[in-house]
Amino acid sequence: MLGQTKTEIHQFDVCGRVYYRGVNYTEKEGELAVETVEASSHDEAETIFKSLQDDFARECNRTVERIDITFSIDLTIAESDNDEQYLVM
């Protein structure tokens, strides 16, 4: 397997607000959602989070209008002695 690198999988906590189509959000925010996911990067963790929210909405016969990511934390790095950035807002 020359030329291939092994991608490290980390655990991430991703938090965001989910806004559903047909719900009046005047003077209130979307529903708070938090998931712990396994991914190789913050971007991938946020994509997985959004996909999970879409799946949940379908189970409840709802449609996601938008998702605003509040933050994602790389738990693997945060719990280590590593100095890498582990929080993305």
Protein backbone atom coordinates (compact mmCIF):
# COMPACT_ATOMS: atom_id res chain seq x y z
CA MET A 1 0.00 0.00 0.00
CA LEU A 2 2.59 2.49 -1.05
CA GLY A 3 1.52 6.11 -1.18
CA GLN A 4 -1.46 5.63 1.11
CA THR A 5 -1.64 7.20 4.52
CA LYS A 6 -3.71 5.94 7.40
CA THR A 7 -6.35 8.47 8.44
CA GLU A 8 -6.81 8.83 12.17
CA ILE A 9 -10.37 8.71 13.39
CA HIS A 10 -11.20 11.00 16.31
CA GLN A 11 -14.27 11.50 18.44
CA PHE A 12 -15.98 14.89 18.11
CA ASP A 13 -18.80 16.56 20.01
CA VAL A 14 -20.77 18.72 17.59
CA CYS A 15 -23.41 21.18 18.75
CA GLY A 16 -25.80 23.17 16.61
CA ARG A 17 -29.28 24.63 16.16
CA VAL A 18 -31.69 22.85 13.83
CA TYR A 19 -34.42 24.82 12.06
CA TYR A 20 -37.32 22.86 10.55
CA ARG A 21 -39.42 23.95 7.57
CA GLY A 22 -42.90 25.13 8.53
CA VAL A 23 -41.97 26.15 12.10
CA ASN A 24 -42.23 29.81 13.07
CA TYR A 25 -38.93 30.73 14.74
CA THR A 26 -39.80 34.39 15.30
CA GLU A 27 -38.30 35.42 18.64
CA LYS A 28 -36.88 31.95 19.31
CA GLU A 29 -33.97 29.88 18.16
CA GLY A 30 -33.91 26.50 16.49
CA GLU A 31 -33.82 23.29 18.45
CA LEU A 32 -30.50 22.56 20.14
CA ALA A 33 -28.88 19.32 19.03
CA VAL A 34 -25.67 17.66 20.21
CA GLU A 35 -24.06 14.52 18.82
CA THR A 36 -20.84 12.65 19.47
CA VAL A 37 -19.49 11.34 16.16
CA GLU A 38 -16.36 9.66 14.86
CA ALA A 39 -14.60 11.44 11.99
CA SER A 40 -11.20 12.31 10.59
CA SER A 41 -11.68 16.12 10.73
CA HIS A 42 -13.89 18.89 12.08
CA ASP A 43 -15.43 19.33 8.62
CA GLU A 44 -16.27 15.65 8.33
CA ALA A 45 -17.72 15.65 11.88
CA GLU A 46 -20.00 18.57 10.99
CA THR A 47 -21.12 16.83 7.78
CA ILE A 48 -21.95 13.66 9.72
CA PHE A 49 -23.82 15.74 12.32
CA LYS A 50 -25.93 17.39 9.61
CA SER A 51 -26.67 14.02 8.03
CA LEU A 52 -27.80 12.62 11.39
CA GLN A 53 -30.12 15.60 11.89
CA ASP A 54 -31.61 15.08 8.43
CA ASP A 55 -32.17 11.37 9.22
CA PHE A 56 -33.85 12.23 12.52
CA ALA A 57 -36.09 14.80 10.84
CA ARG A 58 -37.22 12.23 8.25
CA GLU A 59 -38.09 9.79 11.06
CA CYS A 60 -40.30 12.52 12.56
CA ASN A 61 -41.82 13.48 9.17
CA ARG A 62 -40.11 16.87 9.25
CA THR A 63 -37.80 18.68 6.85
CA VAL A 64 -34.67 20.51 7.94
CA GLU A 65 -34.54 24.05 6.60
CA ARG A 66 -31.09 24.84 7.94
CA ILE A 67 -28.56 23.84 10.58
CA ASP A 68 -26.29 26.36 12.30
CA ILE A 69 -23.23 24.72 13.82
CA THR A 70 -22.37 26.34 17.16
CA PHE A 71 -19.11 24.47 17.77
CA SER A 72 -17.29 21.17 17.33
CA ILE A 73 -14.76 19.78 19.78
CA ASP A 74 -12.17 17.15 18.90
CA LEU A 75 -12.43 15.08 22.09
CA THR A 76 -9.45 12.92 21.15
CA ILE A 77 -7.13 15.94 21.10
CA ALA A 78 -8.86 17.77 23.97
CA GLU A 79 -8.32 14.79 26.28
CA SER A 80 -4.67 14.38 25.25
CA ASP A 81 -1.55 16.37 26.04
CA ASN A 82 -1.41 17.57 22.43
CA ASP A 83 -1.29 21.33 21.75
CA GLU A 84 -3.33 21.12 18.50
CA GLN A 85 -6.52 23.16 18.13
CA TYR A 86 -9.44 21.04 19.32
CA LEU A 87 -12.32 23.57 19.32
CA VAL A 88 -13.83 25.10 16.20
CA MET A 89 -16.56 27.71 16.51
